[in-house]
Amino acid sequence: MTTFPALRMRRGRVAPWMRAMLAEHRLHPSDFIWPLFVCEGEGCEEPIGSLPGVSRWSVDRLAGRARLAADAGIPCVALFPNTPDALRTDDAG
């Protein structure tokens, strides 16, 4: 009696790019998305109290922050705008 599977099909793992693609446990900066929190104004940096070490940045300063992400090997940023308290409603309307 043979055990399952009788024939183990394997993808070609000769090429380094194929081995990298099939690696099971690999975490690399290219796997991340850098969140950028946006505020109104110019030349602004507003620390976010509930996220120590994280700030909101004005639009004119976002390119520099995105450049830091790219330099770190992070290929993507996600923008999160801040809605001022005066414009918020209980029903998000």
Protein backbone atom coordinates (compact mmCIF):
# COMPACT_ATOMS: atom_id res chain seq x y z
CA MET A 1 0.00 0.00 0.00
CA THR A 2 1.37 3.41 -0.92
CA THR A 3 0.70 6.51 1.05
CA PHE A 4 -0.85 9.60 -0.47
CA PRO A 5 0.50 11.14 -2.59
CA ALA A 6 2.22 8.42 -4.53
CA LEU A 7 3.80 11.06 -6.72
CA ARG A 8 4.71 14.42 -5.27
CA MET A 9 4.44 17.11 -7.91
CA ARG A 10 6.92 19.93 -7.34
CA ARG A 11 7.23 23.25 -9.01
CA GLY A 12 10.61 23.98 -10.49
CA ARG A 13 12.67 25.65 -7.78
CA VAL A 14 15.86 26.05 -9.70
CA ALA A 15 15.57 29.80 -10.31
CA PRO A 16 16.14 32.17 -7.35
CA TRP A 17 13.03 34.20 -8.26
CA MET A 18 10.89 31.03 -8.03
CA ARG A 19 12.35 30.08 -4.64
CA ALA A 20 11.71 33.63 -3.37
CA MET A 21 8.12 33.52 -4.63
CA LEU A 22 7.44 30.18 -2.94
CA ALA A 23 9.16 30.96 0.36
CA GLU A 24 6.70 30.25 3.16
CA HIS A 25 8.08 32.49 5.89
CA ARG A 26 9.41 35.75 4.55
CA LEU A 27 8.58 39.25 5.71
CA HIS A 28 10.10 42.07 3.71
CA PRO A 29 9.50 45.84 3.55
CA SER A 30 7.92 45.28 0.12
CA ASP A 31 5.07 43.49 1.95
CA PHE A 32 4.06 46.64 3.85
CA ILE A 33 1.89 49.69 3.25
CA TRP A 34 2.92 52.86 5.10
CA PRO A 35 -0.12 54.74 6.49
CA LEU A 36 0.09 58.52 6.23
CA PHE A 37 -2.35 60.63 8.21
CA VAL A 38 -3.24 63.93 6.55
CA CYS A 39 -4.19 67.28 8.13
CA GLU A 40 -5.12 70.68 6.73
CA GLY A 41 -2.66 73.54 6.46
CA GLU A 42 0.92 74.01 5.34
CA GLY A 43 4.11 72.92 7.03
CA CYS A 44 2.09 71.10 9.69
CA GLU A 45 2.88 68.09 11.82
CA GLU A 46 0.25 67.18 14.41
CA PRO A 47 1.13 64.33 16.79
CA ILE A 48 -1.72 61.85 17.24
CA GLY A 49 -2.21 61.30 20.97
CA SER A 50 -3.70 57.83 20.64
CA LEU A 51 -0.82 56.67 18.39
CA PRO A 52 2.50 57.50 20.09
CA GLY A 53 5.20 58.39 17.59
CA VAL A 54 2.67 58.93 14.76
CA SER A 55 1.69 62.33 13.34
CA ARG A 56 -0.67 63.89 10.86
CA TRP A 57 1.11 65.72 8.05
CA SER A 58 -0.01 68.57 5.80
CA VAL A 59 -0.17 67.83 2.07
CA ASP A 60 3.03 69.79 1.34
CA ARG A 61 4.98 67.47 3.66
CA LEU A 62 3.52 64.17 2.44
CA ALA A 63 5.97 63.75 -0.45
CA GLY A 64 8.89 63.74 1.98
CA ARG A 65 7.19 61.10 4.12
CA ALA A 66 6.41 58.98 1.04
CA ARG A 67 10.07 59.30 0.03
CA LEU A 68 11.07 57.87 3.42
CA ALA A 69 8.78 54.91 2.78
CA ALA A 70 10.29 54.34 -0.68
CA ASP A 71 13.83 54.60 0.74
CA ALA A 72 12.89 51.92 3.29
CA GLY A 73 11.69 49.64 0.47
CA ILE A 74 7.98 50.12 1.20
CA PRO A 75 6.26 50.41 -2.20
CA CYS A 76 2.89 51.80 -1.18
CA VAL A 77 1.37 54.46 1.08
CA ALA A 78 -2.24 54.77 2.25
CA LEU A 79 -3.64 58.23 2.95
CA PHE A 80 -5.97 58.80 5.90
CA PRO A 81 -7.47 62.31 6.00
CA ASN A 82 -8.61 63.84 9.27
CA THR A 83 -12.16 65.18 9.40
CA PRO A 84 -12.25 68.16 11.76
CA ASP A 85 -14.48 67.64 14.82
CA ALA A 86 -16.78 70.48 13.72
CA LEU A 87 -17.64 68.58 10.52
CA ARG A 88 -18.32 65.21 12.17
CA THR A 89 -21.84 63.99 12.87
CA ASP A 90 -23.19 61.11 14.96
CA ASP A 91 -24.66 59.40 11.91
CA ALA A 92 -21.68 60.14 9.60
CA GLY A 93 -24.08 62.05 7.32
